[in-house]
Amino acid sequence: MLSSHALRQVKQAVEQATKKDKTVPAALPRMHFHDSAIRKKMVLLMFLCMHPMSLIMQRKQLKLFAPA
């Protein structure tokens, strides 16, 4: 949780940026959701790298392996 001082600083920074560029308010939610999606993909990739058998099991369940 941000302190009230930090919250005021963020609000002032957003207001100043909005005065310079009117697209800032619309860009902030897009940036937040984009960063969240990237973070989730990175966590999944790290998990699969650390646990390669889980990827193999998922592929077998999805029948992505072609019969030899």
C-alpha atoms as a PDB file:
ATOM      1  CA  MET A   1       0.000   0.000   0.000  1.00  0.00           C
ATOM      2  CA  LEU A   2       1.323   3.415  -0.936  1.00  0.00           C
ATOM      3  CA  SER A   3       1.657   6.092   1.691  1.00  0.00           C
ATOM      4  CA  SER A   4      -0.456   9.211   1.303  1.00  0.00           C
ATOM      5  CA  HIS A   5       2.685  11.166   0.347  1.00  0.00           C
ATOM      6  CA  ALA A   6       3.602   8.685  -2.384  1.00  0.00           C
ATOM      7  CA  LEU A   7       0.013   8.674  -3.625  1.00  0.00           C
ATOM      8  CA  ARG A   8       0.059  12.476  -3.945  1.00  0.00           C
ATOM      9  CA  GLN A   9       3.338  12.322  -5.872  1.00  0.00           C
ATOM     10  CA  VAL A  10       1.938   9.753  -8.292  1.00  0.00           C
ATOM     11  CA  LYS A  11      -1.227  11.793  -8.776  1.00  0.00           C
ATOM     12  CA  GLN A  12       0.779  14.955  -9.465  1.00  0.00           C
ATOM     13  CA  ALA A  13       3.038  13.139 -11.928  1.00  0.00           C
ATOM     14  CA  VAL A  14       0.036  11.744 -13.819  1.00  0.00           C
ATOM     15  CA  GLU A  15      -1.641  15.165 -13.889  1.00  0.00           C
ATOM     16  CA  GLN A  16       1.530  16.812 -15.235  1.00  0.00           C
ATOM     17  CA  ALA A  17       2.007  14.096 -17.853  1.00  0.00           C
ATOM     18  CA  THR A  18      -1.649  14.431 -18.886  1.00  0.00           C
ATOM     19  CA  LYS A  19      -1.208  18.162 -19.435  1.00  0.00           C
ATOM     20  CA  LYS A  20       1.651  17.415 -21.849  1.00  0.00           C
ATOM     21  CA  ASP A  21       0.036  14.408 -23.551  1.00  0.00           C
ATOM     22  CA  LYS A  22      -3.729  13.781 -23.490  1.00  0.00           C
ATOM     23  CA  THR A  23      -3.261  10.067 -24.248  1.00  0.00           C
ATOM     24  CA  VAL A  24      -1.619   9.336 -20.879  1.00  0.00           C
ATOM     25  CA  PRO A  25      -4.838   8.426 -18.980  1.00  0.00           C
ATOM     26  CA  ALA A  26      -5.765   5.830 -21.601  1.00  0.00           C
ATOM     27  CA  ALA A  27      -2.209   4.502 -21.816  1.00  0.00           C
ATOM     28  CA  LEU A  28      -1.844   3.797 -18.089  1.00  0.00           C
ATOM     29  CA  PRO A  29      -4.400   0.934 -17.873  1.00  0.00           C
ATOM     30  CA  ARG A  30      -3.069  -0.568 -21.112  1.00  0.00           C
ATOM     31  CA  MET A  31       0.465  -0.483 -19.719  1.00  0.00           C
ATOM     32  CA  HIS A  32      -0.687  -2.062 -16.456  1.00  0.00           C
ATOM     33  CA  PHE A  33      -2.474  -4.965 -18.173  1.00  0.00           C
ATOM     34  CA  HIS A  34       0.354  -5.462 -20.665  1.00  0.00           C
ATOM     35  CA  ASP A  35       2.908  -5.631 -17.856  1.00  0.00           C
ATOM     36  CA  SER A  36       0.689  -8.057 -15.923  1.00  0.00           C
ATOM     37  CA  ALA A  37       0.382 -10.345 -18.936  1.00  0.00           C
ATOM     38  CA  ILE A  38       4.139 -10.273 -19.550  1.00  0.00           C
ATOM     39  CA  ARG A  39       4.797 -11.022 -15.877  1.00  0.00           C
ATOM     40  CA  LYS A  40       2.446 -14.031 -15.985  1.00  0.00           C
ATOM     41  CA  LYS A  41       4.132 -15.364 -19.119  1.00  0.00           C
ATOM     42  CA  MET A  42       7.556 -14.987 -17.510  1.00  0.00           C
ATOM     43  CA  VAL A  43       6.419 -16.874 -14.396  1.00  0.00           C
ATOM     44  CA  LEU A  44       5.026 -19.682 -16.547  1.00  0.00           C
ATOM     45  CA  LEU A  45       8.232 -19.846 -18.589  1.00  0.00           C
ATOM     46  CA  MET A  46      10.359 -19.946 -15.424  1.00  0.00           C
ATOM     47  CA  PHE A  47       8.175 -22.725 -14.002  1.00  0.00           C
ATOM     48  CA  LEU A  48       8.456 -24.777 -17.188  1.00  0.00           C
ATOM     49  CA  CYS A  49      12.228 -24.308 -17.277  1.00  0.00           C
ATOM     50  CA  MET A  50      12.530 -25.433 -13.675  1.00  0.00           C
ATOM     51  CA  HIS A  51      10.065 -28.320 -14.123  1.00  0.00           C
ATOM     52  CA  PRO A  52      10.470 -29.621 -17.690  1.00  0.00           C
ATOM     53  CA  MET A  53       8.562 -32.815 -16.911  1.00  0.00           C
ATOM     54  CA  SER A  54       5.413 -30.770 -16.373  1.00  0.00           C
ATOM     55  CA  LEU A  55       5.670 -29.557 -19.968  1.00  0.00           C
ATOM     56  CA  ILE A  56       6.148 -33.120 -21.232  1.00  0.00           C
ATOM     57  CA  MET A  57       3.136 -34.300 -19.249  1.00  0.00           C
ATOM     58  CA  GLN A  58       1.021 -31.447 -20.599  1.00  0.00           C
ATOM     59  CA  ARG A  59       2.009 -32.308 -24.158  1.00  0.00           C
ATOM     60  CA  LYS A  60       1.144 -35.963 -23.621  1.00  0.00           C
ATOM     61  CA  GLN A  61      -2.226 -35.010 -22.186  1.00  0.00           C
ATOM     62  CA  LEU A  62      -2.876 -32.741 -25.161  1.00  0.00           C
ATOM     63  CA  LYS A  63      -1.624 -35.477 -27.522  1.00  0.00           C
ATOM     64  CA  LEU A  64       0.848 -33.152 -29.181  1.00  0.00           C
ATOM     65  CA  PHE A  65       3.482 -35.862 -29.457  1.00  0.00           C
ATOM     66  CA  ALA A  66       3.241 -37.714 -32.729  1.00  0.00           C
ATOM     67  CA  PRO A  67       3.541 -41.502 -32.497  1.00  0.00           C
ATOM     68  CA  ALA A  68       6.995 -42.780 -33.401  1.00  0.00           C
END
